[in-house]
Amino acid sequence: MNKTNALYRNLVVLLISLLLVNLAIGFYKSFSKIKNFNTSSISFRVQNKSVLNYFTNKSTVDYISEAEEMIDIFEKYNFSVESFMNEQSSSLIIFSSWPKDFMKINSVKKRKNLFINTLLPIIFIENRKILEDRKKILDWWNQSDGESFSREFWPNWLFELSEKYNYSESSLGNLLIRVDIVPLSLALSQAAIESGWGSSRYLNEGNAIFGQYTFDKKSGIKPRERRDDQKFFVKKFSNLSESVGSYLKNINTHNAYEDFRQERRKLRMNGEDLLGNALANYMTNYSERNKEYVKDIKHLIETNNFMKFDKVEGLMN
């Protein structure tokens, strides 16, 4: 009887042990899947293009992990270049990161469409944010009957906004030169050139669309072809929107693009449209290739019919 009880107890202990081991293995696998999902997942949100306030979006955030899933999302919400151009209330899909398997899409046309569909809404929204800043300045200036005020009399929000655009003078007119959009056609063309139409290592590893430099090792990616005497890195970003926002700020604040901003101001003063093909002439300082780089931008705008994006509702004069 004692031997039977002992055998029974040992059997129960063995079964419980096996159960605990299986539970532990299952937990570990589940944890691994969650960990892998988080490191490669792409969040996205959907918002209506007609909504002007892009800072208070209440759309539900969801997650995917592959390029084909991104294509499915665009189809699900009926987003295309045509809907973007023709429907004022079309849904904008904002993806956080670039898909790791982007280059596994065999069709070049399919990759190109995904590139445009992904970046077009982001560039649009980041430009809209700038226009909201611009409108706020103009409204306050008009309410003040166009008078000039020393910075010490500015409201706090205006002081903070001027710092956002690296501006330290008192002239609101000169501040407005910095607070303006970069045409969609120009930004999209530069994104295509700088990222190799979405194939670049910097875009895949750090959401770096425009190849901006930094000397901070912690916030950059070291180029493989960099010489030993060079210290720069390619700046990485937490998401694609941040990358686009940084590019726009660079164009709007860096001394290298002063001529670009002055030409944009002239177009504004004359009531003319801001067109990428015209303003591309002032982007020689963006690349060491200078005028050849400008030729590439203009050729890309023309051959891909990107000019139409500069006529989109919401960014026109």
C-alpha atoms as a PDB file:
ATOM      1  CA  MET A   1       0.000   0.000   0.000  1.00  0.00           C
ATOM      2  CA  ASN A   2       2.847   2.370   0.915  1.00  0.00           C
ATOM      3  CA  LYS A   3       4.576   1.554  -2.379  1.00  0.00           C
ATOM      4  CA  THR A   4       1.359   2.348  -4.288  1.00  0.00           C
ATOM      5  CA  ASN A   5       0.965   5.692  -2.493  1.00  0.00           C
ATOM      6  CA  ALA A   6       4.585   6.605  -3.150  1.00  0.00           C
ATOM      7  CA  LEU A   7       4.214   5.729  -6.819  1.00  0.00           C
ATOM      8  CA  TYR A   8       1.051   7.787  -7.031  1.00  0.00           C
ATOM      9  CA  ARG A   9       2.744  10.789  -5.366  1.00  0.00           C
ATOM     10  CA  ASN A  10       5.717  10.545  -7.724  1.00  0.00           C
ATOM     11  CA  LEU A  11       3.378  10.406 -10.708  1.00  0.00           C
ATOM     12  CA  VAL A  12       1.509  13.487  -9.528  1.00  0.00           C
ATOM     13  CA  VAL A  13       4.776  15.379  -8.958  1.00  0.00           C
ATOM     14  CA  LEU A  14       5.972  14.381 -12.426  1.00  0.00           C
ATOM     15  CA  LEU A  15       2.735  15.548 -14.064  1.00  0.00           C
ATOM     16  CA  ILE A  16       2.801  18.844 -12.187  1.00  0.00           C
ATOM     17  CA  SER A  17       6.452  19.344 -13.136  1.00  0.00           C
ATOM     18  CA  LEU A  18       5.681  18.689 -16.796  1.00  0.00           C
ATOM     19  CA  LEU A  19       2.767  21.123 -16.621  1.00  0.00           C
ATOM     20  CA  LEU A  20       4.945  23.850 -15.101  1.00  0.00           C
ATOM     21  CA  VAL A  21       7.657  23.275 -17.696  1.00  0.00           C
ATOM     22  CA  ASN A  22       5.109  23.567 -20.524  1.00  0.00           C
ATOM     23  CA  LEU A  23       3.694  26.731 -18.993  1.00  0.00           C
ATOM     24  CA  ALA A  24       7.181  28.201 -18.692  1.00  0.00           C
ATOM     25  CA  ILE A  25       8.003  27.341 -22.310  1.00  0.00           C
ATOM     26  CA  GLY A  26       4.691  28.808 -23.505  1.00  0.00           C
ATOM     27  CA  PHE A  27       5.268  31.996 -21.535  1.00  0.00           C
ATOM     28  CA  TYR A  28       8.779  32.348 -22.923  1.00  0.00           C
ATOM     29  CA  LYS A  29       7.573  31.886 -26.518  1.00  0.00           C
ATOM     30  CA  SER A  30       4.763  34.377 -25.998  1.00  0.00           C
ATOM     31  CA  PHE A  31       7.163  36.887 -24.498  1.00  0.00           C
ATOM     32  CA  SER A  32       9.561  36.400 -27.386  1.00  0.00           C
ATOM     33  CA  LYS A  33       6.793  36.990 -29.907  1.00  0.00           C
ATOM     34  CA  ILE A  34       5.721  40.166 -28.122  1.00  0.00           C
ATOM     35  CA  LYS A  35       9.305  41.367 -27.954  1.00  0.00           C
ATOM     36  CA  ASN A  36       9.904  40.648 -31.640  1.00  0.00           C
ATOM     37  CA  PHE A  37       6.613  42.292 -32.583  1.00  0.00           C
ATOM     38  CA  ASN A  38       7.464  45.463 -30.690  1.00  0.00           C
ATOM     39  CA  THR A  39      10.897  45.764 -32.274  1.00  0.00           C
ATOM     40  CA  SER A  40       9.619  45.388 -35.839  1.00  0.00           C
ATOM     41  CA  SER A  41       6.031  46.648 -35.638  1.00  0.00           C
ATOM     42  CA  ILE A  42       4.797  49.775 -37.376  1.00  0.00           C
ATOM     43  CA  SER A  43       2.060  51.839 -35.788  1.00  0.00           C
ATOM     44  CA  PHE A  44      -0.374  53.795 -37.903  1.00  0.00           C
ATOM     45  CA  ARG A  45      -3.272  56.153 -37.417  1.00  0.00           C
ATOM     46  CA  VAL A  46      -6.040  57.360 -39.687  1.00  0.00           C
ATOM     47  CA  GLN A  47      -7.320  60.912 -39.793  1.00  0.00           C
ATOM     48  CA  ASN A  48      -9.510  63.029 -42.009  1.00  0.00           C
ATOM     49  CA  LYS A  49      -7.725  65.418 -44.352  1.00  0.00           C
ATOM     50  CA  SER A  50     -10.393  68.071 -43.829  1.00  0.00           C
ATOM     51  CA  VAL A  51      -9.631  68.309 -40.097  1.00  0.00           C
ATOM     52  CA  LEU A  52      -7.380  71.322 -39.634  1.00  0.00           C
ATOM     53  CA  ASN A  53      -6.140  70.596 -36.137  1.00  0.00           C
ATOM     54  CA  TYR A  54      -3.581  67.810 -36.551  1.00  0.00           C
ATOM     55  CA  PHE A  55      -2.431  67.960 -32.951  1.00  0.00           C
ATOM     56  CA  THR A  56      -5.573  66.518 -31.355  1.00  0.00           C
ATOM     57  CA  ASN A  57      -6.152  63.424 -33.418  1.00  0.00           C
ATOM     58  CA  LYS A  58      -8.456  60.919 -31.708  1.00  0.00           C
ATOM     59  CA  SER A  59      -8.014  58.083 -34.187  1.00  0.00           C
ATOM     60  CA  THR A  60      -7.232  54.634 -32.860  1.00  0.00           C
ATOM     61  CA  VAL A  61      -3.627  53.553 -33.227  1.00  0.00           C
ATOM     62  CA  ASP A  62      -3.060  50.092 -34.669  1.00  0.00           C
ATOM     63  CA  TYR A  63       0.013  48.007 -35.536  1.00  0.00           C
ATOM     64  CA  ILE A  64       1.309  46.045 -38.506  1.00  0.00           C
ATOM     65  CA  SER A  65       4.722  44.636 -39.394  1.00  0.00           C
ATOM     66  CA  GLU A  66       5.072  44.153 -43.157  1.00  0.00           C
ATOM     67  CA  ALA A  67       5.050  46.186 -46.365  1.00  0.00           C
ATOM     68  CA  GLU A  68       2.196  44.134 -47.843  1.00  0.00           C
ATOM     69  CA  GLU A  69       0.112  44.944 -44.780  1.00  0.00           C
ATOM     70  CA  MET A  70       0.758  48.651 -45.381  1.00  0.00           C
ATOM     71  CA  ILE A  71      -0.543  48.255 -48.929  1.00  0.00           C
ATOM     72  CA  ASP A  72      -3.640  46.496 -47.558  1.00  0.00           C
ATOM     73  CA  ILE A  73      -4.252  49.368 -45.106  1.00  0.00           C
ATOM     74  CA  PHE A  74      -4.172  51.937 -47.918  1.00  0.00           C
ATOM     75  CA  GLU A  75      -6.677  49.838 -49.857  1.00  0.00           C
ATOM     76  CA  LYS A  76      -8.886  49.339 -46.809  1.00  0.00           C
ATOM     77  CA  TYR A  77      -9.218  53.089 -46.271  1.00  0.00           C
ATOM     78  CA  ASN A  78      -9.376  53.846 -50.011  1.00  0.00           C
ATOM     79  CA  PHE A  79      -6.293  56.037 -49.915  1.00  0.00           C
ATOM     80  CA  SER A  80      -4.567  56.780 -53.204  1.00  0.00           C
ATOM     81  CA  VAL A  81      -2.967  59.719 -54.964  1.00  0.00           C
ATOM     82  CA  GLU A  82      -6.324  60.306 -56.691  1.00  0.00           C
ATOM     83  CA  SER A  83      -8.306  60.408 -53.448  1.00  0.00           C
ATOM     84  CA  PHE A  84      -5.672  62.651 -51.893  1.00  0.00           C
ATOM     85  CA  MET A  85      -5.933  65.138 -54.759  1.00  0.00           C
ATOM     86  CA  ASN A  86      -9.679  65.053 -55.370  1.00  0.00           C
ATOM     87  CA  GLU A  87     -11.400  64.345 -52.058  1.00  0.00           C
ATOM     88  CA  GLN A  88     -11.133  67.056 -49.447  1.00  0.00           C
ATOM     89  CA  SER A  89     -12.243  64.623 -46.733  1.00  0.00           C
ATOM     90  CA  SER A  90     -10.084  61.684 -47.774  1.00  0.00           C
ATOM     91  CA  SER A  91      -8.491  59.611 -45.031  1.00  0.00           C
ATOM     92  CA  LEU A  92      -4.812  60.173 -44.376  1.00  0.00           C
ATOM     93  CA  ILE A  93      -2.830  57.147 -43.187  1.00  0.00           C
ATOM     94  CA  ILE A  94       0.144  58.092 -41.018  1.00  0.00           C
ATOM     95  CA  PHE A  95       2.681  55.293 -40.555  1.00  0.00           C
ATOM     96  CA  SER A  96       5.359  55.532 -37.883  1.00  0.00           C
ATOM     97  CA  SER A  97       8.232  53.676 -39.540  1.00  0.00           C
ATOM     98  CA  TRP A  98       9.508  52.130 -42.736  1.00  0.00           C
ATOM     99  CA  PRO A  99       8.819  48.404 -43.321  1.00  0.00           C
ATOM    100  CA  LYS A 100      11.917  46.230 -43.000  1.00  0.00           C
ATOM    101  CA  ASP A 101      10.821  44.088 -45.931  1.00  0.00           C
ATOM    102  CA  PHE A 102      10.185  46.999 -48.305  1.00  0.00           C
ATOM    103  CA  MET A 103      12.721  45.768 -50.873  1.00  0.00           C
ATOM    104  CA  LYS A 104      11.119  42.314 -50.895  1.00  0.00           C
ATOM    105  CA  ILE A 105       8.266  43.777 -52.913  1.00  0.00           C
ATOM    106  CA  ASN A 106       9.208  42.542 -56.379  1.00  0.00           C
ATOM    107  CA  SER A 107       7.225  45.045 -58.403  1.00  0.00           C
ATOM    108  CA  VAL A 108       9.095  48.351 -58.805  1.00  0.00           C
ATOM    109  CA  LYS A 109       5.802  50.114 -59.530  1.00  0.00           C
ATOM    110  CA  LYS A 110       4.293  48.692 -56.350  1.00  0.00           C
ATOM    111  CA  ARG A 111       7.282  49.846 -54.274  1.00  0.00           C
ATOM    112  CA  LYS A 112       7.132  53.295 -55.831  1.00  0.00           C
ATOM    113  CA  ASN A 113       3.414  53.644 -55.103  1.00  0.00           C
ATOM    114  CA  LEU A 114       3.945  52.554 -51.506  1.00  0.00           C
ATOM    115  CA  PHE A 115       6.750  55.100 -51.137  1.00  0.00           C
ATOM    116  CA  ILE A 116       4.550  57.942 -52.406  1.00  0.00           C
ATOM    117  CA  ASN A 117       1.436  56.868 -50.483  1.00  0.00           C
ATOM    118  CA  THR A 118       3.414  56.624 -47.239  1.00  0.00           C
ATOM    119  CA  LEU A 119       5.265  59.938 -47.395  1.00  0.00           C
ATOM    120  CA  LEU A 120       2.713  62.168 -49.107  1.00  0.00           C
ATOM    121  CA  PRO A 121       0.284  62.374 -46.131  1.00  0.00           C
ATOM    122  CA  ILE A 122       3.137  62.933 -43.668  1.00  0.00           C
ATOM    123  CA  ILE A 123       4.669  65.784 -45.676  1.00  0.00           C
ATOM    124  CA  PHE A 124       1.201  67.286 -46.100  1.00  0.00           C
ATOM    125  CA  ILE A 125       0.436  67.223 -42.387  1.00  0.00           C
ATOM    126  CA  GLU A 126       3.835  68.565 -41.292  1.00  0.00           C
ATOM    127  CA  ASN A 127       3.378  71.444 -43.753  1.00  0.00           C
ATOM    128  CA  ARG A 128      -0.109  72.073 -42.388  1.00  0.00           C
ATOM    129  CA  LYS A 129       1.353  72.439 -38.918  1.00  0.00           C
ATOM    130  CA  ILE A 130       3.618  75.177 -40.265  1.00  0.00           C
ATOM    131  CA  LEU A 131       0.661  76.929 -41.895  1.00  0.00           C
ATOM    132  CA  GLU A 132      -1.159  76.845 -38.555  1.00  0.00           C
ATOM    133  CA  ASP A 133       1.830  78.559 -36.939  1.00  0.00           C
ATOM    134  CA  ARG A 134       1.856  81.095 -39.767  1.00  0.00           C
ATOM    135  CA  LYS A 135      -1.867  81.816 -39.435  1.00  0.00           C
ATOM    136  CA  LYS A 136      -1.516  82.338 -35.699  1.00  0.00           C
ATOM    137  CA  ILE A 137       1.213  84.942 -36.235  1.00  0.00           C
ATOM    138  CA  LEU A 138      -0.730  86.733 -38.978  1.00  0.00           C
ATOM    139  CA  ASP A 139      -3.940  86.805 -36.913  1.00  0.00           C
ATOM    140  CA  TRP A 140      -2.160  88.337 -33.924  1.00  0.00           C
ATOM    141  CA  TRP A 141      -0.326  90.836 -36.131  1.00  0.00           C
ATOM    142  CA  ASN A 142      -3.559  91.896 -37.840  1.00  0.00           C
ATOM    143  CA  GLN A 143      -5.265  92.359 -34.489  1.00  0.00           C
ATOM    144  CA  SER A 144      -2.369  94.645 -33.532  1.00  0.00           C
ATOM    145  CA  ASP A 145      -3.002  96.745 -36.684  1.00  0.00           C
ATOM    146  CA  GLY A 146       0.329  95.684 -38.145  1.00  0.00           C
ATOM    147  CA  GLU A 147       2.345  97.497 -35.496  1.00  0.00           C
ATOM    148  CA  SER A 148       5.850  96.357 -34.572  1.00  0.00           C
ATOM    149  CA  PHE A 149       6.456  95.281 -31.006  1.00  0.00           C
ATOM    150  CA  SER A 150       9.684  94.594 -29.168  1.00  0.00           C
ATOM    151  CA  ARG A 151      10.072  90.950 -28.191  1.00  0.00           C
ATOM    152  CA  GLU A 152       9.580  91.855 -24.540  1.00  0.00           C
ATOM    153  CA  PHE A 153       5.959  92.726 -25.358  1.00  0.00           C
ATOM    154  CA  TRP A 154       5.258  89.547 -27.270  1.00  0.00           C
ATOM    155  CA  PRO A 155       2.818  86.990 -25.812  1.00  0.00           C
ATOM    156  CA  ASN A 156       4.476  83.838 -24.489  1.00  0.00           C
ATOM    157  CA  TRP A 157       3.200  81.640 -27.324  1.00  0.00           C
ATOM    158  CA  LEU A 158       4.792  83.954 -29.926  1.00  0.00           C
ATOM    159  CA  PHE A 159       8.084  83.991 -28.084  1.00  0.00           C
ATOM    160  CA  GLU A 160       8.083  80.178 -27.936  1.00  0.00           C
ATOM    161  CA  LEU A 161       7.134  79.933 -31.599  1.00  0.00           C
ATOM    162  CA  SER A 162      10.031  82.202 -32.604  1.00  0.00           C
ATOM    163  CA  GLU A 163      12.420  79.963 -30.681  1.00  0.00           C
ATOM    164  CA  LYS A 164      10.974  76.970 -32.510  1.00  0.00           C
ATOM    165  CA  TYR A 165      12.138  78.577 -35.770  1.00  0.00           C
ATOM    166  CA  ASN A 166      15.511  79.678 -34.340  1.00  0.00           C
ATOM    167  CA  TYR A 167      14.540  83.340 -34.632  1.00  0.00           C
ATOM    168  CA  SER A 168      15.802  86.006 -32.226  1.00  0.00           C
ATOM    169  CA  GLU A 169      14.833  89.311 -33.892  1.00  0.00           C
ATOM    170  CA  SER A 170      11.705  91.432 -33.364  1.00  0.00           C
ATOM    171  CA  SER A 171      10.398  91.751 -36.922  1.00  0.00           C
ATOM    172  CA  LEU A 172       7.321  89.599 -37.440  1.00  0.00           C
ATOM    173  CA  GLY A 173       7.737  90.006 -41.190  1.00  0.00           C
ATOM    174  CA  ASN A 174      11.143  88.366 -41.041  1.00  0.00           C
ATOM    175  CA  LEU A 175       9.793  85.647 -38.776  1.00  0.00           C
ATOM    176  CA  LEU A 176       7.095  84.848 -41.347  1.00  0.00           C
ATOM    177  CA  ILE A 177       9.821  84.302 -43.953  1.00  0.00           C
ATOM    178  CA  ARG A 178      10.825  81.264 -41.914  1.00  0.00           C
ATOM    179  CA  VAL A 179       7.327  80.079 -41.063  1.00  0.00           C
ATOM    180  CA  ASP A 180       6.156  78.754 -44.415  1.00  0.00           C
ATOM    181  CA  ILE A 181       5.776  75.504 -46.322  1.00  0.00           C
ATOM    182  CA  VAL A 182       8.076  73.543 -48.606  1.00  0.00           C
ATOM    183  CA  PRO A 183       6.110  72.456 -51.725  1.00  0.00           C
ATOM    184  CA  LEU A 184       5.030  68.832 -51.668  1.00  0.00           C
ATOM    185  CA  SER A 185       6.620  68.123 -55.040  1.00  0.00           C
ATOM    186  CA  LEU A 186      10.001  69.386 -53.852  1.00  0.00           C
ATOM    187  CA  ALA A 187       9.958  67.562 -50.504  1.00  0.00           C
ATOM    188  CA  LEU A 188       8.780  64.294 -52.074  1.00  0.00           C
ATOM    189  CA  SER A 189      11.412  64.471 -54.811  1.00  0.00           C
ATOM    190  CA  GLN A 190      14.199  65.090 -52.318  1.00  0.00           C
ATOM    191  CA  ALA A 191      12.897  62.221 -50.205  1.00  0.00           C
ATOM    192  CA  ALA A 192      13.108  59.933 -53.242  1.00  0.00           C
ATOM    193  CA  ILE A 193      16.641  61.045 -54.083  1.00  0.00           C
ATOM    194  CA  GLU A 194      18.021  60.968 -50.548  1.00  0.00           C
ATOM    195  CA  SER A 195      16.475  57.604 -49.651  1.00  0.00           C
ATOM    196  CA  GLY A 196      16.867  55.876 -53.015  1.00  0.00           C
ATOM    197  CA  TRP A 197      13.090  55.575 -53.285  1.00  0.00           C
ATOM    198  CA  GLY A 198      12.914  53.929 -49.868  1.00  0.00           C
ATOM    199  CA  SER A 199      15.856  51.558 -50.237  1.00  0.00           C
ATOM    200  CA  SER A 200      18.430  53.330 -48.059  1.00  0.00           C
ATOM    201  CA  ARG A 201      19.904  51.767 -44.959  1.00  0.00           C
ATOM    202  CA  TYR A 202      19.395  55.013 -43.020  1.00  0.00           C
ATOM    203  CA  LEU A 203      15.670  55.017 -43.696  1.00  0.00           C
ATOM    204  CA  ASN A 204      15.313  51.386 -42.661  1.00  0.00           C
ATOM    205  CA  GLU A 205      17.460  51.664 -39.542  1.00  0.00           C
ATOM    206  CA  GLY A 206      16.593  55.146 -38.341  1.00  0.00           C
ATOM    207  CA  ASN A 207      13.612  56.608 -40.231  1.00  0.00           C
ATOM    208  CA  ALA A 208      16.140  58.967 -41.840  1.00  0.00           C
ATOM    209  CA  ILE A 209      14.465  60.077 -45.059  1.00  0.00           C
ATOM    210  CA  PHE A 210      16.518  63.108 -46.045  1.00  0.00           C
ATOM    211  CA  GLY A 211      20.080  62.192 -45.079  1.00  0.00           C
ATOM    212  CA  GLN A 212      20.538  64.979 -42.530  1.00  0.00           C
ATOM    213  CA  TYR A 213      23.866  65.047 -40.712  1.00  0.00           C
ATOM    214  CA  THR A 214      24.620  65.159 -37.023  1.00  0.00           C
ATOM    215  CA  PHE A 215      27.855  65.014 -35.003  1.00  0.00           C
ATOM    216  CA  ASP A 216      26.157  63.327 -32.055  1.00  0.00           C
ATOM    217  CA  LYS A 217      27.118  59.652 -32.131  1.00  0.00           C
ATOM    218  CA  LYS A 218      24.169  58.633 -29.958  1.00  0.00           C
ATOM    219  CA  SER A 219      21.582  60.154 -32.310  1.00  0.00           C
ATOM    220  CA  GLY A 220      23.128  59.103 -35.605  1.00  0.00           C
ATOM    221  CA  ILE A 221      24.086  56.207 -37.858  1.00  0.00           C
ATOM    222  CA  LYS A 222      27.685  55.913 -39.016  1.00  0.00           C
ATOM    223  CA  PRO A 223      27.998  55.803 -42.818  1.00  0.00           C
ATOM    224  CA  ARG A 224      29.926  52.765 -44.017  1.00  0.00           C
ATOM    225  CA  GLU A 225      31.767  54.844 -46.634  1.00  0.00           C
ATOM    226  CA  ARG A 226      32.779  57.606 -44.205  1.00  0.00           C
ATOM    227  CA  ARG A 227      36.484  58.475 -44.194  1.00  0.00           C
ATOM    228  CA  ASP A 228      38.520  58.114 -40.990  1.00  0.00           C
ATOM    229  CA  ASP A 229      38.994  61.875 -40.717  1.00  0.00           C
ATOM    230  CA  GLN A 230      35.242  62.542 -40.934  1.00  0.00           C
ATOM    231  CA  LYS A 231      33.120  62.710 -37.799  1.00  0.00           C
ATOM    232  CA  PHE A 232      29.558  63.103 -39.051  1.00  0.00           C
ATOM    233  CA  PHE A 233      26.678  60.660 -38.673  1.00  0.00           C
ATOM    234  CA  VAL A 234      23.327  60.452 -40.440  1.00  0.00           C
ATOM    235  CA  LYS A 235      20.711  61.621 -37.977  1.00  0.00           C
ATOM    236  CA  LYS A 236      18.117  59.037 -36.957  1.00  0.00           C
ATOM    237  CA  PHE A 237      14.550  59.685 -35.835  1.00  0.00           C
ATOM    238  CA  SER A 238      11.949  57.964 -33.702  1.00  0.00           C
ATOM    239  CA  ASN A 239       9.379  58.106 -36.500  1.00  0.00           C
ATOM    240  CA  LEU A 240       8.838  59.294 -40.075  1.00  0.00           C
ATOM    241  CA  SER A 241       6.890  62.396 -39.063  1.00  0.00           C
ATOM    242  CA  GLU A 242       9.781  63.565 -36.917  1.00  0.00           C
ATOM    243  CA  SER A 243      12.140  63.077 -39.854  1.00  0.00           C
ATOM    244  CA  VAL A 244       9.953  65.171 -42.175  1.00  0.00           C
ATOM    245  CA  GLY A 245       9.510  67.855 -39.508  1.00  0.00           C
ATOM    246  CA  SER A 246      13.286  68.079 -39.071  1.00  0.00           C
ATOM    247  CA  TYR A 247      13.805  68.432 -42.826  1.00  0.00           C
ATOM    248  CA  LEU A 248      11.257  71.271 -43.018  1.00  0.00           C
ATOM    249  CA  LYS A 249      12.855  73.051 -40.076  1.00  0.00           C
ATOM    250  CA  ASN A 250      16.263  72.679 -41.700  1.00  0.00           C
ATOM    251  CA  ILE A 251      15.012  74.362 -44.895  1.00  0.00           C
ATOM    252  CA  ASN A 252      13.240  77.071 -42.894  1.00  0.00           C
ATOM    253  CA  THR A 253      16.069  77.971 -40.537  1.00  0.00           C
ATOM    254  CA  HIS A 254      19.507  77.033 -41.893  1.00  0.00           C
ATOM    255  CA  ASN A 255      21.595  79.827 -43.427  1.00  0.00           C
ATOM    256  CA  ALA A 256      22.305  77.638 -46.465  1.00  0.00           C
ATOM    257  CA  TYR A 257      18.687  78.070 -47.604  1.00  0.00           C
ATOM    258  CA  GLU A 258      18.311  81.826 -47.124  1.00  0.00           C
ATOM    259  CA  ASP A 259      17.987  82.366 -50.895  1.00  0.00           C
ATOM    260  CA  PHE A 260      15.271  79.720 -51.011  1.00  0.00           C
ATOM    261  CA  ARG A 261      13.318  81.521 -48.275  1.00  0.00           C
ATOM    262  CA  GLN A 262      13.720  84.916 -49.915  1.00  0.00           C
ATOM    263  CA  GLU A 263      12.428  83.601 -53.238  1.00  0.00           C
ATOM    264  CA  ARG A 264       9.501  81.964 -51.457  1.00  0.00           C
ATOM    265  CA  ARG A 265       8.745  85.309 -49.798  1.00  0.00           C
ATOM    266  CA  LYS A 266       8.704  87.058 -53.192  1.00  0.00           C
ATOM    267  CA  LEU A 267       6.244  84.497 -54.522  1.00  0.00           C
ATOM    268  CA  ARG A 268       4.034  85.051 -51.488  1.00  0.00           C
ATOM    269  CA  MET A 269       4.181  88.835 -51.845  1.00  0.00           C
ATOM    270  CA  ASN A 270       3.213  88.571 -55.531  1.00  0.00           C
ATOM    271  CA  GLY A 271       0.347  86.201 -54.765  1.00  0.00           C
ATOM    272  CA  GLU A 272       1.915  83.393 -56.796  1.00  0.00           C
ATOM    273  CA  ASP A 273       1.770  79.673 -56.063  1.00  0.00           C
ATOM    274  CA  LEU A 274       4.689  77.998 -54.319  1.00  0.00           C
ATOM    275  CA  LEU A 275       5.859  75.476 -56.896  1.00  0.00           C
ATOM    276  CA  GLY A 276       8.581  72.904 -56.314  1.00  0.00           C
ATOM    277  CA  ASN A 277      10.012  73.155 -59.812  1.00  0.00           C
ATOM    278  CA  ALA A 278      10.716  76.866 -59.378  1.00  0.00           C
ATOM    279  CA  LEU A 279      11.992  76.723 -55.801  1.00  0.00           C
ATOM    280  CA  ALA A 280      14.222  73.735 -56.568  1.00  0.00           C
ATOM    281  CA  ASN A 281      16.616  76.193 -58.214  1.00  0.00           C
ATOM    282  CA  TYR A 282      17.560  77.420 -54.748  1.00  0.00           C
ATOM    283  CA  MET A 283      18.486  74.012 -53.320  1.00  0.00           C
ATOM    284  CA  THR A 284      22.076  73.886 -54.614  1.00  0.00           C
ATOM    285  CA  ASN A 285      23.467  73.888 -51.066  1.00  0.00           C
ATOM    286  CA  TYR A 286      21.621  70.714 -50.092  1.00  0.00           C
ATOM    287  CA  SER A 287      24.154  68.529 -51.900  1.00  0.00           C
ATOM    288  CA  GLU A 288      27.803  68.673 -52.890  1.00  0.00           C
ATOM    289  CA  ARG A 289      26.577  68.039 -56.426  1.00  0.00           C
ATOM    290  CA  ASN A 290      25.057  71.545 -56.427  1.00  0.00           C
ATOM    291  CA  LYS A 291      23.492  72.317 -59.838  1.00  0.00           C
ATOM    292  CA  GLU A 292      23.475  68.670 -60.900  1.00  0.00           C
ATOM    293  CA  TYR A 293      21.480  67.898 -57.777  1.00  0.00           C
ATOM    294  CA  VAL A 294      18.970  70.605 -58.714  1.00  0.00           C
ATOM    295  CA  LYS A 295      18.674  69.094 -62.195  1.00  0.00           C
ATOM    296  CA  ASP A 296      17.898  65.714 -60.641  1.00  0.00           C
ATOM    297  CA  ILE A 297      15.185  67.216 -58.432  1.00  0.00           C
ATOM    298  CA  LYS A 298      13.498  69.002 -61.326  1.00  0.00           C
ATOM    299  CA  HIS A 299      13.761  65.958 -63.594  1.00  0.00           C
ATOM    300  CA  LEU A 300      12.178  63.765 -60.923  1.00  0.00           C
ATOM    301  CA  ILE A 301       9.349  66.260 -60.341  1.00  0.00           C
ATOM    302  CA  GLU A 302       8.583  66.426 -64.060  1.00  0.00           C
ATOM    303  CA  THR A 303       8.898  62.747 -64.975  1.00  0.00           C
ATOM    304  CA  ASN A 304       6.716  61.656 -62.051  1.00  0.00           C
ATOM    305  CA  ASN A 305       4.170  64.459 -62.472  1.00  0.00           C
ATOM    306  CA  PHE A 306       4.715  65.599 -58.884  1.00  0.00           C
ATOM    307  CA  MET A 307       3.749  69.159 -59.899  1.00  0.00           C
ATOM    308  CA  LYS A 308       0.102  68.283 -59.290  1.00  0.00           C
ATOM    309  CA  PHE A 309       0.765  67.908 -55.555  1.00  0.00           C
ATOM    310  CA  ASP A 310       1.529  71.629 -55.278  1.00  0.00           C
ATOM    311  CA  LYS A 311      -2.115  72.324 -56.166  1.00  0.00           C
ATOM    312  CA  VAL A 312      -3.598  70.206 -53.379  1.00  0.00           C
ATOM    313  CA  GLU A 313      -6.366  71.736 -51.296  1.00  0.00           C
ATOM    314  CA  GLY A 314      -5.079  72.798 -47.885  1.00  0.00           C
ATOM    315  CA  LEU A 315      -1.640  74.087 -48.909  1.00  0.00           C
ATOM    316  CA  MET A 316      -2.572  76.605 -51.577  1.00  0.00           C
ATOM    317  CA  ASN A 317      -2.153  80.366 -51.075  1.00  0.00           C
END
